């Protein structure tokens, strides 16, 4: 059995060193607890969404050097694989041009860090461009740029990597499975409106909430469903505009989500 940890961190947009420190602290805590795979959120290194910081070459260079330094810092964690979300620019990748625009080859990526090195990097294939998401302004699809799936092996299991929107479409998962993946790791991030006090309550109650340091128009709340032995086997989630989820009468959704998760947990206990 391979224990997988999820790093729920409060990343600050643009604070590369601070975010790397949070990721490293989470990785060490997870390793001590017996995990050999840890997933940090989408674009965890930069915070979400980094927006026009991505247009600055110096910022992209700093992302690359900070990622390499983070990998080196975690080299002493034997057998640990840390998957970190970050923006990426590959040497030799030219801008994708049309008659009206040119998009630099920047990718919404996730890299596997192990044994002090960046072992592999996956480029998000499906880019959302609706509501608060504007990823096609900044990123190129990994599929369109010719980059394939990423699969890494830990403890005899082969893990495939997906990022957020990839999980809503068949092709990214199918490509990972075709490349040998037995387990799909899919994670995401989104702008969050919750203030620190509300976030503390979210964590206290066991809700999983992706955190970012920027207010926008969408929020989500989810609660775990636990199976035999208390293991989390699924989650109940609801997403929607801020005014529906974080203001009255919208706050009623959070207790309903937790109640639904509790009901499913009890049903699983009865089925044992």
Protein backbone atom coordinates (compact mmCIF):
# COMPACT_ATOMS: atom_id res chain seq x y z
CA UNK A 1 0.00 0.00 0.00
CA UNK A 2 1.21 3.50 -0.81
CA UNK A 3 0.14 6.33 1.47
CA UNK A 4 -0.67 9.55 -0.43
CA UNK A 5 -0.80 12.94 1.32
CA UNK A 6 -2.60 16.08 0.15
CA UNK A 7 -0.93 19.38 1.02
CA UNK A 8 -3.57 21.96 1.90
CA UNK A 9 -1.58 25.17 2.03
CA UNK A 10 -2.40 28.86 1.99
CA UNK A 11 -0.21 29.99 -0.92
CA UNK A 12 0.43 33.69 -1.47
CA UNK A 13 0.46 34.86 -5.08
CA UNK A 14 4.01 35.74 -6.11
CA UNK A 15 5.71 34.63 -2.89
CA UNK A 16 7.84 31.88 -4.40
CA UNK A 17 10.12 31.37 -1.40
CA UNK A 18 7.27 31.47 1.09
CA UNK A 19 5.18 29.02 -0.91
CA UNK A 20 8.17 26.69 -1.38
CA UNK A 21 8.68 26.74 2.39
CA UNK A 22 5.06 25.73 2.98
CA UNK A 23 5.37 22.89 0.46
CA UNK A 24 8.60 21.68 2.05
CA UNK A 25 7.10 21.76 5.55
CA UNK A 26 4.08 19.79 4.35
CA UNK A 27 6.30 17.25 2.58
CA UNK A 28 8.37 16.65 5.72
CA UNK A 29 5.26 16.25 7.83
CA UNK A 30 3.77 13.83 5.29
CA UNK A 31 6.98 11.79 5.07
CA UNK A 32 7.13 11.49 8.86
CA UNK A 33 3.53 10.22 8.79
CA UNK A 34 4.49 7.49 6.33
CA UNK A 35 3.41 9.03 3.03
CA UNK A 36 5.58 8.42 -0.02
CA UNK A 37 3.57 10.59 -2.41
CA UNK A 38 2.44 14.15 -1.64
CA UNK A 39 0.36 16.31 -3.95
CA UNK A 40 0.65 20.09 -3.67
CA UNK A 41 -2.13 22.18 -5.29
CA UNK A 42 -2.27 23.48 -8.84
CA UNK A 43 0.23 26.33 -9.27
CA UNK A 44 1.16 25.97 -5.60
CA UNK A 45 4.60 27.46 -6.15
CA UNK A 46 3.22 30.78 -7.39
CA UNK A 47 -0.20 30.88 -5.78
CA UNK A 48 -3.35 30.91 -7.90
CA UNK A 49 -3.89 32.85 -10.10
CA UNK A 50 -0.48 34.46 -10.86
CA UNK A 51 -1.98 36.28 -13.87
CA UNK A 52 0.36 38.84 -15.50
CA UNK A 53 3.32 37.80 -13.38
CA UNK A 54 3.52 34.98 -15.91
CA UNK A 55 4.36 37.51 -18.62
CA UNK A 56 7.58 38.53 -16.85
CA UNK A 57 10.59 36.48 -18.01
CA UNK A 58 12.41 37.15 -14.72
CA UNK A 59 9.47 35.72 -12.77
CA UNK A 60 9.45 32.57 -14.91
CA UNK A 61 13.21 32.20 -14.38
CA UNK A 62 12.68 32.56 -10.63
CA UNK A 63 9.99 29.86 -10.73
CA UNK A 64 12.39 27.45 -12.38
CA UNK A 65 15.24 28.10 -9.95
CA UNK A 66 12.92 27.94 -6.92
CA UNK A 67 11.53 24.60 -8.08
CA UNK A 68 15.05 23.18 -8.48
CA UNK A 69 16.00 24.47 -5.03
CA UNK A 70 12.88 22.90 -3.52
CA UNK A 71 13.75 19.54 -5.08
CA UNK A 72 17.27 19.77 -3.64
CA UNK A 73 15.91 20.73 -0.21
CA UNK A 74 13.76 17.58 -0.11
CA UNK A 75 16.56 15.23 -1.21
CA UNK A 76 16.90 13.75 2.29
CA UNK A 77 13.30 12.42 2.27
CA UNK A 78 14.04 8.86 1.21
CA UNK A 79 11.51 7.39 -1.21
CA UNK A 80 9.36 10.56 -1.20
CA UNK A 81 7.72 11.85 -4.38
CA UNK A 82 6.35 15.39 -4.17
CA UNK A 83 4.17 16.62 -7.05
CA UNK A 84 4.19 20.41 -7.22
CA UNK A 85 2.08 22.70 -9.38
CA UNK A 86 3.97 25.56 -11.06
CA UNK A 87 4.16 27.50 -14.33
CA UNK A 88 6.78 26.28 -16.77
CA UNK A 89 8.59 27.60 -19.81
CA UNK A 90 10.61 25.10 -21.80
CA UNK A 91 13.77 26.01 -23.65
CA UNK A 92 13.29 25.69 -27.38
CA UNK A 93 9.51 26.11 -27.25
CA UNK A 94 8.60 28.97 -29.57
CA UNK A 95 5.47 31.08 -29.34
CA UNK A 96 2.34 29.69 -30.96
CA UNK A 97 1.30 32.29 -33.50
CA UNK A 98 -1.78 33.09 -35.55
CA UNK A 99 -2.54 36.09 -37.74
CA UNK A 100 -3.85 38.05 -34.77
CA UNK A 101 -1.90 36.86 -31.74
CA UNK A 102 1.18 35.16 -30.36
CA UNK A 103 1.03 33.11 -27.15
CA UNK A 104 4.31 32.35 -25.43
CA UNK A 105 4.85 28.68 -24.64
CA UNK A 106 4.09 28.80 -20.96
CA UNK A 107 2.44 25.81 -19.37
CA UNK A 108 0.34 25.18 -16.29
CA UNK A 109 2.53 22.32 -15.11
CA UNK A 110 3.09 19.85 -12.31
CA UNK A 111 6.50 18.32 -11.63
CA UNK A 112 7.47 15.19 -9.74
CA UNK A 113 10.28 15.94 -7.27
CA UNK A 114 12.24 13.00 -5.89
CA UNK A 115 15.80 12.21 -4.79
CA UNK A 116 16.78 15.87 -5.08
CA UNK A 117 15.77 16.26 -8.72
CA UNK A 118 12.83 17.28 -10.91
CA UNK A 119 12.07 13.84 -12.32
CA UNK A 120 9.29 14.68 -14.78
CA UNK A 121 6.95 17.55 -15.67
CA UNK A 122 3.36 17.32 -16.88
CA UNK A 123 1.68 20.12 -18.84
CA UNK A 124 -2.06 20.66 -18.34
CA UNK A 125 -3.99 19.66 -21.45
CA UNK A 126 -7.40 21.29 -20.93
CA UNK A 127 -7.38 25.02 -20.15
CA UNK A 128 -10.52 26.62 -18.65
CA UNK A 129 -11.54 30.02 -19.94
CA UNK A 130 -14.82 30.89 -18.23
CA UNK A 131 -16.03 32.71 -15.10
CA UNK A 132 -12.89 33.53 -13.04
CA UNK A 133 -10.60 31.37 -15.18
CA UNK A 134 -8.53 32.98 -17.93
CA UNK A 135 -5.89 30.33 -18.56
CA UNK A 136 -5.80 30.56 -22.34
CA UNK A 137 -4.50 34.10 -22.00
CA UNK A 138 -1.38 32.78 -20.29
CA UNK A 139 -0.93 29.10 -21.07
CA UNK A 140 -0.65 26.70 -23.98
CA UNK A 141 -2.17 23.21 -23.83
CA UNK A 142 0.46 20.55 -23.29
CA UNK A 143 -1.33 18.37 -25.82
CA UNK A 144 -1.32 21.10 -28.47
CA UNK A 145 2.40 21.67 -27.89
CA UNK A 146 3.17 17.96 -28.26
CA UNK A 147 3.86 17.08 -24.63
CA UNK A 148 2.63 13.69 -23.49
CA UNK A 149 1.29 12.27 -20.22
CA UNK A 150 3.46 11.73 -17.13
CA UNK A 151 3.42 8.47 -15.18
CA UNK A 152 5.68 7.73 -12.20
CA UNK A 153 6.01 4.60 -10.08
CA UNK A 154 6.02 4.36 -6.29
CA UNK A 155 5.79 1.12 -4.32
CA UNK A 156 4.84 -0.89 -7.39
CA UNK A 157 1.96 1.44 -8.32
CA UNK A 158 2.04 3.66 -11.39
CA UNK A 159 0.57 7.13 -10.82
CA UNK A 160 -0.69 9.35 -13.65
CA UNK A 161 -0.92 13.13 -13.34
CA UNK A 162 -3.95 15.30 -14.23
CA UNK A 163 -4.55 18.96 -13.39
CA UNK A 164 -8.00 20.36 -12.62
CA UNK A 165 -9.87 20.78 -15.93
CA UNK A 166 -8.15 17.66 -17.32
CA UNK A 167 -10.39 15.56 -15.08
CA UNK A 168 -13.52 16.86 -16.86
CA UNK A 169 -12.49 15.38 -20.21
CA UNK A 170 -11.83 11.82 -21.39
CA UNK A 171 -8.63 12.38 -23.37
CA UNK A 172 -6.15 13.34 -20.58
CA UNK A 173 -7.14 10.37 -18.41
CA UNK A 174 -7.17 8.00 -21.38
CA UNK A 175 -3.70 9.17 -22.39
CA UNK A 176 -2.37 8.58 -18.88
CA UNK A 177 -3.90 5.11 -18.71
CA UNK A 178 -2.49 4.25 -22.12
CA UNK A 179 0.93 5.32 -20.79
CA UNK A 180 0.55 2.80 -17.96
CA UNK A 181 -1.14 4.70 -15.13
CA UNK A 182 -3.00 2.61 -12.58
CA UNK A 183 -3.93 5.50 -10.28
CA UNK A 184 -4.87 8.99 -11.48
CA UNK A 185 -3.87 11.93 -9.30
CA UNK A 186 -6.04 14.95 -10.11
CA UNK A 187 -5.92 18.18 -8.14
CA UNK A 188 -6.84 21.79 -8.66
CA UNK A 189 -6.95 25.28 -7.26
CA UNK A 190 -9.26 28.24 -7.61
CA UNK A 191 -9.51 31.74 -6.13
CA UNK A 192 -11.08 31.59 -2.66
CA UNK A 193 -13.06 34.31 -0.87
CA UNK A 194 -12.83 32.81 2.61
CA UNK A 195 -11.18 34.99 5.32
CA UNK A 196 -8.67 33.35 7.73
CA UNK A 197 -11.25 32.80 10.50
CA UNK A 198 -13.60 31.02 8.10
CA UNK A 199 -10.73 28.92 6.75
CA UNK A 200 -9.88 27.80 10.28
CA UNK A 201 -13.49 26.65 10.70
CA UNK A 202 -13.36 24.86 7.34
CA UNK A 203 -10.31 22.91 8.47
CA UNK A 204 -11.68 22.25 11.97
CA UNK A 205 -14.80 20.67 10.56
CA UNK A 206 -12.86 18.55 8.09
CA UNK A 207 -13.98 20.34 4.95
CA UNK A 208 -11.40 20.38 2.16
CA UNK A 209 -11.07 23.85 0.70
CA UNK A 210 -8.43 24.90 -1.77
CA UNK A 211 -6.96 28.19 -0.59
CA UNK A 212 -5.63 31.17 -2.52
CA UNK A 213 -4.80 34.73 -1.48
CA UNK A 214 -7.11 36.42 -3.94
CA UNK A 215 -10.84 37.09 -3.97
CA UNK A 216 -12.81 36.24 -7.08
CA UNK A 217 -16.24 35.00 -8.05
CA UNK A 218 -16.32 31.27 -7.26
CA UNK A 219 -16.19 29.24 -4.06
CA UNK A 220 -16.48 25.56 -3.26
CA UNK A 221 -16.94 23.46 -0.15
CA UNK A 222 -16.48 19.71 0.11
CA UNK A 223 -16.59 17.12 2.84
CA UNK A 224 -14.99 13.65 3.04
CA UNK A 225 -16.82 10.34 2.82
CA UNK A 226 -15.09 7.73 4.97
CA UNK A 227 -15.08 4.00 4.32
CA UNK A 228 -13.80 1.01 6.34
CA UNK A 229 -11.22 1.96 8.96
CA UNK A 230 -12.01 5.64 8.62
CA UNK A 231 -10.27 5.95 5.25
CA UNK A 232 -11.46 8.76 2.97
CA UNK A 233 -12.91 7.05 -0.10
CA UNK A 234 -14.83 9.89 -1.75
CA UNK A 235 -16.07 13.43 -1.23
CA UNK A 236 -19.28 15.41 -1.53
CA UNK A 237 -18.77 18.85 -3.03
CA UNK A 238 -20.73 21.91 -4.08
CA UNK A 239 -19.43 24.88 -6.06
CA UNK A 240 -20.98 28.14 -7.13
CA UNK A 241 -20.82 31.93 -7.05
CA UNK A 242 -19.57 33.53 -3.86
CA UNK A 243 -22.89 35.10 -2.98
CA UNK A 244 -24.56 31.69 -3.01
CA UNK A 245 -21.98 29.85 -0.93
CA UNK A 246 -20.56 32.42 1.49
CA UNK A 247 -23.46 34.75 2.24
CA UNK A 248 -26.86 34.17 3.72
CA UNK A 249 -28.87 32.22 2.74
CA UNK A 250 -26.12 30.48 0.79
CA UNK A 251 -24.24 29.30 3.88
CA UNK A 252 -26.85 26.59 4.26
CA UNK A 253 -24.97 24.65 1.56
CA UNK A 254 -21.99 23.86 3.79
CA UNK A 255 -23.97 21.98 6.49
CA UNK A 256 -25.88 20.18 3.73
CA UNK A 257 -22.64 19.01 2.14
CA UNK A 258 -21.32 17.73 5.46
CA UNK A 259 -24.66 16.03 6.20
CA UNK A 260 -24.61 14.28 2.82
CA UNK A 261 -21.03 13.09 3.36
CA UNK A 262 -21.98 11.84 6.84
CA UNK A 263 -24.97 9.95 5.43
CA UNK A 264 -22.79 8.24 2.83
CA UNK A 265 -20.21 7.35 5.48
CA UNK A 266 -22.92 5.76 7.64
CA UNK A 267 -24.24 3.84 4.63
CA UNK A 268 -20.76 2.45 4.00
CA UNK A 269 -20.50 1.35 7.64
CA UNK A 270 -23.79 -0.51 7.36
CA UNK A 271 -22.58 -2.18 4.17
CA UNK A 272 -19.40 -3.56 5.78
